[in-house]
Amino acid sequence: MKILTETDFLISNWSGGTTAQLFIFPEGTTLEERNFDWRISSASVEVEESEFTSFDGYERILIPLSGKLEMEHQTPNGVIQQNVNEFELARFNGSWPTKGKGKLKDFNLIFKPNYHPKVQVAYFSEDTTLDLETITSILFLQSGSFVLNDQVIQSPALVVNDTHTHSEITCKANSRIISIEMNLLG
């Protein structure tokens, strides 16, 4: 099990803001070489209009964490408009030329189509204990804190349960998480 915090994230600049790479799988692969199976990142979009980087051969799930996003996808069958509010999920083909409108902070999962990720956003208004092994393989703490193995973790943080270790996690009141189960298709 890996617990990654802000000091572990790989920060890079792009024309519209900054991106924090939270995790890439398999470890040792790179965004530049496009040899990864999946990647989790969070971007700060500081311009009103931006163009998405093409990820040919990948699918994407994007969740606005603050702000909202209007997307326009150029697909083989025409233009698709998508309006996405805070904490809503937008899934789209990474090879589609996509334009975005809106300043925001987002959560981004890019994955090869042989994966079928189950992504959920949860907000806890009171302390809540969960069994990490049964709910997810990846947990992003977007806001608040949780307790894992007697260790208090503050946001932002990412837990990668790559060994499927049984652990209880207590999400503290007023915390928000994004859980991801990365299922490989047959």
C-alpha atoms as a PDB file:
ATOM      1  CA  MET A   1       0.000   0.000   0.000  1.00  0.00           C
ATOM      2  CA  LYS A   2       1.256   3.443  -0.930  1.00  0.00           C
ATOM      3  CA  ILE A   3       0.239   6.708   0.719  1.00  0.00           C
ATOM      4  CA  LEU A   4       1.218   9.681  -1.433  1.00  0.00           C
ATOM      5  CA  THR A   5       0.961  13.314  -0.369  1.00  0.00           C
ATOM      6  CA  GLU A   6       1.677  16.659  -2.016  1.00  0.00           C
ATOM      7  CA  THR A   7       5.450  16.241  -1.706  1.00  0.00           C
ATOM      8  CA  ASP A   8       5.210  13.013  -3.792  1.00  0.00           C
ATOM      9  CA  PHE A   9       3.227  14.540  -6.669  1.00  0.00           C
ATOM     10  CA  LEU A  10       5.039  15.462  -9.896  1.00  0.00           C
ATOM     11  CA  ILE A  11       4.158  19.086 -10.780  1.00  0.00           C
ATOM     12  CA  SER A  12       4.430  20.419 -14.338  1.00  0.00           C
ATOM     13  CA  ASN A  13       3.370  23.587 -16.134  1.00  0.00           C
ATOM     14  CA  TRP A  14       1.320  23.713 -19.319  1.00  0.00           C
ATOM     15  CA  SER A  15      -0.013  26.612 -21.389  1.00  0.00           C
ATOM     16  CA  GLY A  16      -3.177  26.979 -19.285  1.00  0.00           C
ATOM     17  CA  GLY A  17      -1.923  26.308 -15.746  1.00  0.00           C
ATOM     18  CA  THR A  18      -0.317  23.489 -13.755  1.00  0.00           C
ATOM     19  CA  THR A  19      -0.814  19.748 -13.445  1.00  0.00           C
ATOM     20  CA  ALA A  20       0.064  17.474 -10.548  1.00  0.00           C
ATOM     21  CA  GLN A  21       0.648  13.871 -11.580  1.00  0.00           C
ATOM     22  CA  LEU A  22      -0.600  11.924  -8.566  1.00  0.00           C
ATOM     23  CA  PHE A  23       0.211   8.414  -9.826  1.00  0.00           C
ATOM     24  CA  ILE A  24       1.063   6.564 -13.030  1.00  0.00           C
ATOM     25  CA  PHE A  25       0.785   2.799 -13.591  1.00  0.00           C
ATOM     26  CA  PRO A  26       2.816   0.753 -14.089  1.00  0.00           C
ATOM     27  CA  GLU A  27       5.399   2.616 -12.089  1.00  0.00           C
ATOM     28  CA  GLY A  28       8.390   3.610 -14.209  1.00  0.00           C
ATOM     29  CA  THR A  29       6.249   4.490 -17.253  1.00  0.00           C
ATOM     30  CA  THR A  30       5.949   8.089 -18.423  1.00  0.00           C
ATOM     31  CA  LEU A  31       3.358  10.459 -19.779  1.00  0.00           C
ATOM     32  CA  GLU A  32       5.727  11.567 -22.564  1.00  0.00           C
ATOM     33  CA  GLU A  33       6.288   8.027 -23.877  1.00  0.00           C
ATOM     34  CA  ARG A  34       2.559   7.143 -23.623  1.00  0.00           C
ATOM     35  CA  ASN A  35       3.545   3.706 -22.311  1.00  0.00           C
ATOM     36  CA  PHE A  36       1.335   3.777 -19.210  1.00  0.00           C
ATOM     37  CA  ASP A  37      -1.879   1.813 -18.553  1.00  0.00           C
ATOM     38  CA  TRP A  38      -3.473   4.541 -16.450  1.00  0.00           C
ATOM     39  CA  ARG A  39      -2.614   7.884 -14.885  1.00  0.00           C
ATOM     40  CA  ILE A  40      -4.217  10.026 -12.193  1.00  0.00           C
ATOM     41  CA  SER A  41      -3.637  13.774 -12.136  1.00  0.00           C
ATOM     42  CA  SER A  42      -5.143  17.037 -10.957  1.00  0.00           C
ATOM     43  CA  ALA A  43      -4.912  20.233 -12.978  1.00  0.00           C
ATOM     44  CA  SER A  44      -5.435  23.895 -12.213  1.00  0.00           C
ATOM     45  CA  VAL A  45      -6.863  25.578 -15.296  1.00  0.00           C
ATOM     46  CA  GLU A  46      -6.080  29.294 -15.044  1.00  0.00           C
ATOM     47  CA  VAL A  47      -7.288  30.421 -18.475  1.00  0.00           C
ATOM     48  CA  GLU A  48     -10.909  30.776 -19.597  1.00  0.00           C
ATOM     49  CA  GLU A  49     -10.452  28.660 -22.744  1.00  0.00           C
ATOM     50  CA  SER A  50      -8.090  25.725 -23.267  1.00  0.00           C
ATOM     51  CA  GLU A  51      -7.471  22.799 -25.558  1.00  0.00           C
ATOM     52  CA  PHE A  52      -7.078  19.315 -24.136  1.00  0.00           C
ATOM     53  CA  THR A  53      -3.962  17.311 -24.893  1.00  0.00           C
ATOM     54  CA  SER A  54      -4.692  14.406 -27.224  1.00  0.00           C
ATOM     55  CA  PHE A  55      -4.362  10.950 -25.682  1.00  0.00           C
ATOM     56  CA  ASP A  56      -4.876   8.693 -28.684  1.00  0.00           C
ATOM     57  CA  GLY A  57      -5.594   5.114 -27.550  1.00  0.00           C
ATOM     58  CA  TYR A  58      -6.866   6.205 -24.111  1.00  0.00           C
ATOM     59  CA  GLU A  59     -10.169   7.057 -22.440  1.00  0.00           C
ATOM     60  CA  ARG A  60     -10.585   9.897 -19.939  1.00  0.00           C
ATOM     61  CA  ILE A  61     -12.695  10.631 -16.891  1.00  0.00           C
ATOM     62  CA  LEU A  62     -12.612  14.209 -15.656  1.00  0.00           C
ATOM     63  CA  ILE A  63     -14.187  15.594 -12.465  1.00  0.00           C
ATOM     64  CA  PRO A  64     -14.241  19.340 -11.700  1.00  0.00           C
ATOM     65  CA  LEU A  65     -13.189  19.804  -8.060  1.00  0.00           C
ATOM     66  CA  SER A  66     -13.903  23.536  -8.078  1.00  0.00           C
ATOM     67  CA  GLY A  67     -15.616  25.451 -10.832  1.00  0.00           C
ATOM     68  CA  LYS A  68     -17.473  24.042 -13.782  1.00  0.00           C
ATOM     69  CA  LEU A  69     -16.409  23.083 -17.263  1.00  0.00           C
ATOM     70  CA  GLU A  70     -17.984  23.339 -20.688  1.00  0.00           C
ATOM     71  CA  MET A  71     -16.422  20.905 -23.166  1.00  0.00           C
ATOM     72  CA  GLU A  72     -16.756  20.624 -26.903  1.00  0.00           C
ATOM     73  CA  HIS A  73     -15.606  17.308 -28.405  1.00  0.00           C
ATOM     74  CA  GLN A  74     -14.986  16.871 -32.144  1.00  0.00           C
ATOM     75  CA  THR A  75     -15.990  13.248 -32.724  1.00  0.00           C
ATOM     76  CA  PRO A  76     -16.142  11.194 -35.946  1.00  0.00           C
ATOM     77  CA  ASN A  77     -19.941  11.587 -35.731  1.00  0.00           C
ATOM     78  CA  GLY A  78     -19.980  15.336 -35.121  1.00  0.00           C
ATOM     79  CA  VAL A  79     -19.698  17.760 -32.222  1.00  0.00           C
ATOM     80  CA  ILE A  80     -20.673  16.759 -28.659  1.00  0.00           C
ATOM     81  CA  GLN A  81     -21.197  19.432 -26.006  1.00  0.00           C
ATOM     82  CA  GLN A  82     -20.701  18.484 -22.348  1.00  0.00           C
ATOM     83  CA  ASN A  83     -21.396  20.756 -19.368  1.00  0.00           C
ATOM     84  CA  VAL A  84     -19.904  19.398 -16.158  1.00  0.00           C
ATOM     85  CA  ASN A  85     -20.530  20.823 -12.676  1.00  0.00           C
ATOM     86  CA  GLU A  86     -18.404  20.343  -9.557  1.00  0.00           C
ATOM     87  CA  PHE A  87     -17.998  16.672  -8.614  1.00  0.00           C
ATOM     88  CA  GLU A  88     -19.808  15.395 -11.716  1.00  0.00           C
ATOM     89  CA  LEU A  89     -18.035  12.855 -13.928  1.00  0.00           C
ATOM     90  CA  ALA A  90     -17.380  13.377 -17.634  1.00  0.00           C
ATOM     91  CA  ARG A  91     -16.093  10.428 -19.648  1.00  0.00           C
ATOM     92  CA  PHE A  92     -14.766  10.872 -23.179  1.00  0.00           C
ATOM     93  CA  ASN A  93     -12.375   9.459 -25.768  1.00  0.00           C
ATOM     94  CA  GLY A  94      -8.848  10.805 -25.282  1.00  0.00           C
ATOM     95  CA  SER A  95      -8.275  11.060 -29.041  1.00  0.00           C
ATOM     96  CA  TRP A  96     -11.165  13.465 -29.628  1.00  0.00           C
ATOM     97  CA  PRO A  97     -10.026  17.051 -30.192  1.00  0.00           C
ATOM     98  CA  THR A  98     -11.552  18.769 -27.144  1.00  0.00           C
ATOM     99  CA  LYS A  99     -11.867  22.414 -26.160  1.00  0.00           C
ATOM    100  CA  GLY A 100     -12.746  23.516 -22.643  1.00  0.00           C
ATOM    101  CA  LYS A 101     -14.240  26.697 -21.188  1.00  0.00           C
ATOM    102  CA  GLY A 102     -13.946  27.573 -17.542  1.00  0.00           C
ATOM    103  CA  LYS A 103     -11.325  28.220 -14.893  1.00  0.00           C
ATOM    104  CA  LEU A 104     -11.255  25.296 -12.487  1.00  0.00           C
ATOM    105  CA  LYS A 105      -9.343  22.645 -10.618  1.00  0.00           C
ATOM    106  CA  ASP A 106      -9.986  19.112 -11.844  1.00  0.00           C
ATOM    107  CA  PHE A 107      -9.296  15.437 -11.186  1.00  0.00           C
ATOM    108  CA  ASN A 108      -8.347  13.423 -14.252  1.00  0.00           C
ATOM    109  CA  LEU A 109      -8.107   9.681 -14.865  1.00  0.00           C
ATOM    110  CA  ILE A 110      -6.607   8.622 -18.205  1.00  0.00           C
ATOM    111  CA  PHE A 111      -6.699   4.901 -18.972  1.00  0.00           C
ATOM    112  CA  LYS A 112      -6.371   2.344 -21.738  1.00  0.00           C
ATOM    113  CA  PRO A 113      -9.744   1.039 -22.964  1.00  0.00           C
ATOM    114  CA  ASN A 114      -9.025  -2.487 -21.654  1.00  0.00           C
ATOM    115  CA  TYR A 115      -9.789  -1.068 -18.167  1.00  0.00           C
ATOM    116  CA  HIS A 116     -13.270  -0.457 -16.825  1.00  0.00           C
ATOM    117  CA  PRO A 117     -12.834   1.918 -13.882  1.00  0.00           C
ATOM    118  CA  LYS A 118     -15.554   2.361 -11.295  1.00  0.00           C
ATOM    119  CA  VAL A 119     -15.285   5.947 -10.006  1.00  0.00           C
ATOM    120  CA  GLN A 120     -17.287   7.364  -7.101  1.00  0.00           C
ATOM    121  CA  VAL A 121     -17.254  10.700  -5.297  1.00  0.00           C
ATOM    122  CA  ALA A 122     -18.317  10.708  -1.638  1.00  0.00           C
ATOM    123  CA  TYR A 123     -18.705  13.439   0.954  1.00  0.00           C
ATOM    124  CA  PHE A 124     -18.776  12.571   4.670  1.00  0.00           C
ATOM    125  CA  SER A 125     -20.631  14.978   6.952  1.00  0.00           C
ATOM    126  CA  GLU A 126     -19.625  12.905   9.993  1.00  0.00           C
ATOM    127  CA  ASP A 127     -16.815  10.505  10.884  1.00  0.00           C
ATOM    128  CA  THR A 128     -17.296   7.324   8.830  1.00  0.00           C
ATOM    129  CA  THR A 129     -15.256   4.110   8.917  1.00  0.00           C
ATOM    130  CA  LEU A 130     -14.809   2.118   5.700  1.00  0.00           C
ATOM    131  CA  ASP A 131     -13.094  -1.144   4.796  1.00  0.00           C
ATOM    132  CA  LEU A 132     -10.495  -0.036   2.250  1.00  0.00           C
ATOM    133  CA  GLU A 133     -10.006  -3.517   0.748  1.00  0.00           C
ATOM    134  CA  THR A 134     -13.649  -3.919  -0.207  1.00  0.00           C
ATOM    135  CA  ILE A 135     -14.343  -0.413  -1.511  1.00  0.00           C
ATOM    136  CA  THR A 136     -11.456   0.517  -3.743  1.00  0.00           C
ATOM    137  CA  SER A 137      -7.961   0.075  -5.070  1.00  0.00           C
ATOM    138  CA  ILE A 138      -7.307   3.840  -5.188  1.00  0.00           C
ATOM    139  CA  LEU A 139      -8.553   6.582  -2.905  1.00  0.00           C
ATOM    140  CA  PHE A 140      -8.010  10.310  -3.471  1.00  0.00           C
ATOM    141  CA  LEU A 141      -8.586  12.531  -0.456  1.00  0.00           C
ATOM    142  CA  GLN A 142      -9.717  15.776  -2.063  1.00  0.00           C
ATOM    143  CA  SER A 143     -10.608  17.651   1.120  1.00  0.00           C
ATOM    144  CA  GLY A 144     -10.493  17.053   4.865  1.00  0.00           C
ATOM    145  CA  SER A 145      -8.627  14.168   6.452  1.00  0.00           C
ATOM    146  CA  PHE A 146      -8.769  10.488   7.252  1.00  0.00           C
ATOM    147  CA  VAL A 147      -7.109   8.047   9.620  1.00  0.00           C
ATOM    148  CA  LEU A 148      -5.404   4.992   8.132  1.00  0.00           C
ATOM    149  CA  ASN A 149      -3.368   2.563  10.263  1.00  0.00           C
ATOM    150  CA  ASP A 150      -3.367   5.073  13.156  1.00  0.00           C
ATOM    151  CA  GLN A 151      -1.876   7.731  10.855  1.00  0.00           C
ATOM    152  CA  VAL A 152      -3.778  10.984  10.214  1.00  0.00           C
ATOM    153  CA  ILE A 153      -3.616  11.940   6.530  1.00  0.00           C
ATOM    154  CA  GLN A 154      -4.491  15.477   5.392  1.00  0.00           C
ATOM    155  CA  SER A 155      -5.710  16.389   1.908  1.00  0.00           C
ATOM    156  CA  PRO A 156      -4.613  16.251  -0.792  1.00  0.00           C
ATOM    157  CA  ALA A 157      -3.459  12.632  -0.609  1.00  0.00           C
ATOM    158  CA  LEU A 158      -3.679   9.459  -2.657  1.00  0.00           C
ATOM    159  CA  VAL A 159      -3.800   5.907  -1.319  1.00  0.00           C
ATOM    160  CA  VAL A 160      -2.954   3.150  -3.788  1.00  0.00           C
ATOM    161  CA  ASN A 161      -3.943  -0.223  -2.344  1.00  0.00           C
ATOM    162  CA  ASP A 162      -1.924  -2.218  -4.871  1.00  0.00           C
ATOM    163  CA  THR A 163      -1.460  -5.144  -2.483  1.00  0.00           C
ATOM    164  CA  HIS A 164      -5.204  -5.234  -1.614  1.00  0.00           C
ATOM    165  CA  THR A 165      -4.280  -4.981   2.040  1.00  0.00           C
ATOM    166  CA  HIS A 166      -7.181  -5.112   4.475  1.00  0.00           C
ATOM    167  CA  SER A 167      -7.309  -1.755   6.263  1.00  0.00           C
ATOM    168  CA  GLU A 168      -9.967   0.300   7.920  1.00  0.00           C
ATOM    169  CA  ILE A 169     -10.029   3.943   7.037  1.00  0.00           C
ATOM    170  CA  THR A 170     -11.918   6.556   9.032  1.00  0.00           C
ATOM    171  CA  CYS A 171     -12.941   9.528   6.936  1.00  0.00           C
ATOM    172  CA  LYS A 172     -13.258  12.501   9.256  1.00  0.00           C
ATOM    173  CA  ALA A 173     -16.268  14.818   9.190  1.00  0.00           C
ATOM    174  CA  ASN A 174     -16.377  17.217   6.222  1.00  0.00           C
ATOM    175  CA  SER A 175     -14.051  15.113   4.070  1.00  0.00           C
ATOM    176  CA  ARG A 176     -14.479  14.325   0.387  1.00  0.00           C
ATOM    177  CA  ILE A 177     -12.950  11.338  -1.390  1.00  0.00           C
ATOM    178  CA  ILE A 178     -12.847   9.979  -4.901  1.00  0.00           C
ATOM    179  CA  SER A 179     -12.582   6.191  -4.971  1.00  0.00           C
ATOM    180  CA  ILE A 180     -11.464   4.274  -8.025  1.00  0.00           C
ATOM    181  CA  GLU A 181     -11.621   0.552  -8.676  1.00  0.00           C
ATOM    182  CA  MET A 182      -9.464  -0.225 -11.731  1.00  0.00           C
ATOM    183  CA  ASN A 183     -10.978  -3.343 -13.266  1.00  0.00           C
ATOM    184  CA  LEU A 184      -9.150  -4.991 -16.165  1.00  0.00           C
ATOM    185  CA  LEU A 185     -11.550  -6.294 -18.822  1.00  0.00           C
ATOM    186  CA  GLY A 186     -11.461  -9.993 -19.698  1.00  0.00           C
END
